[in-house]
């Protein structure tokens, strides 16, 4: 991808930051969704967990350490959530 800023063209990338509750954390929203799916007649519903996906467009040369720092310090709560990054 390319983005023009003034007379300069920068290569950009899109990353996805997936944030999910830690396995040991109660997920009431997921539990409610699981029950609703069962009531809709969906057989065999197991555990449902609800998280969030954040899509970010960044310059191609952005360091992985910067992306992880943003995910850890801003986009997730490390006490109750895990995150993963997909480029």
Protein backbone atom coordinates (compact mmCIF):
# COMPACT_ATOMS: atom_id res chain seq x y z
CA UNK A 1 0.00 0.00 0.00
CA UNK A 2 1.08 3.55 -0.59
CA UNK A 3 0.06 6.79 1.06
CA UNK A 4 0.92 10.23 -0.26
CA UNK A 5 1.94 12.89 2.22
CA UNK A 6 2.74 16.11 0.40
CA UNK A 7 5.21 15.23 -2.34
CA UNK A 8 6.33 12.09 -0.52
CA UNK A 9 4.91 8.60 -1.04
CA UNK A 10 5.22 6.19 1.89
CA UNK A 11 4.75 2.43 1.83
CA UNK A 12 2.21 1.45 4.44
CA UNK A 13 0.99 -1.79 5.96
CA UNK A 14 -2.20 -2.81 7.70
CA UNK A 15 -1.94 -4.78 10.90
CA UNK A 16 -4.63 -6.42 12.96
CA UNK A 17 -4.43 -6.47 16.74
CA UNK A 18 -6.67 -9.21 18.13
CA UNK A 19 -7.56 -8.71 21.80
CA UNK A 20 -9.23 -11.50 23.76
CA UNK A 21 -10.01 -12.09 27.43
CA UNK A 22 -7.44 -14.33 29.11
CA UNK A 23 -8.66 -17.93 29.45
CA UNK A 24 -8.84 -17.58 33.24
CA UNK A 25 -11.04 -14.46 33.07
CA UNK A 26 -14.83 -14.78 33.19
CA UNK A 27 -16.40 -13.58 29.92
CA UNK A 28 -20.08 -12.81 30.67
CA UNK A 29 -20.65 -11.42 27.18
CA UNK A 30 -19.36 -14.66 25.68
CA UNK A 31 -21.52 -16.75 28.04
CA UNK A 32 -24.61 -14.75 27.07
CA UNK A 33 -23.81 -15.19 23.37
CA UNK A 34 -23.36 -18.95 23.88
CA UNK A 35 -26.81 -19.20 25.49
CA UNK A 36 -28.38 -17.13 22.71
CA UNK A 37 -26.81 -19.36 20.06
CA UNK A 38 -28.24 -22.43 21.80
CA UNK A 39 -31.68 -20.80 21.87
CA UNK A 40 -31.39 -20.22 18.13
CA UNK A 41 -31.06 -23.97 17.75
CA UNK A 42 -27.34 -24.14 17.04
CA UNK A 43 -26.34 -27.57 18.34
CA UNK A 44 -23.12 -28.29 20.16
CA UNK A 45 -22.21 -24.74 21.15
CA UNK A 46 -19.21 -24.80 23.45
CA UNK A 47 -17.44 -21.90 25.07
CA UNK A 48 -17.88 -18.54 23.34
CA UNK A 49 -15.42 -15.72 23.94
CA UNK A 50 -15.87 -12.18 22.70
CA UNK A 51 -12.95 -9.89 22.02
CA UNK A 52 -12.09 -7.11 19.62
CA UNK A 53 -10.04 -6.58 16.47
CA UNK A 54 -8.27 -3.29 15.83
CA UNK A 55 -7.06 -2.56 12.28
CA UNK A 56 -4.21 -0.06 12.05
CA UNK A 57 -2.47 1.38 8.99
CA UNK A 58 1.16 2.20 9.70
CA UNK A 59 4.32 3.07 7.78
CA UNK A 60 5.94 -0.09 6.42
CA UNK A 61 9.11 0.52 8.44
CA UNK A 62 7.35 0.61 11.83
CA UNK A 63 9.31 -1.49 14.32
CA UNK A 64 7.58 -4.57 15.75
CA UNK A 65 8.53 -3.40 19.23
CA UNK A 66 6.52 -0.18 18.71
CA UNK A 67 3.47 -2.15 17.55
CA UNK A 68 3.67 -4.50 20.53
CA UNK A 69 4.08 -1.56 22.91
CA UNK A 70 0.93 0.11 21.52
CA UNK A 71 -1.01 -3.16 21.76
CA UNK A 72 0.18 -3.85 25.30
CA UNK A 73 -0.13 -0.33 26.74
CA UNK A 74 -3.08 1.13 24.84
CA UNK A 75 -5.19 -1.44 23.00
CA UNK A 76 -5.36 -4.17 25.64
CA UNK A 77 -5.50 -4.51 29.39
CA UNK A 78 -2.65 -6.95 30.15
CA UNK A 79 -4.19 -7.90 33.50
CA UNK A 80 -7.28 -9.48 31.90
CA UNK A 81 -6.57 -9.63 28.14
CA UNK A 82 -4.12 -11.23 25.73
CA UNK A 83 -3.35 -9.83 22.31
CA UNK A 84 -1.89 -11.09 19.06
CA UNK A 85 -0.72 -9.18 16.01
CA UNK A 86 -1.26 -10.16 12.38
CA UNK A 87 0.53 -8.34 9.59
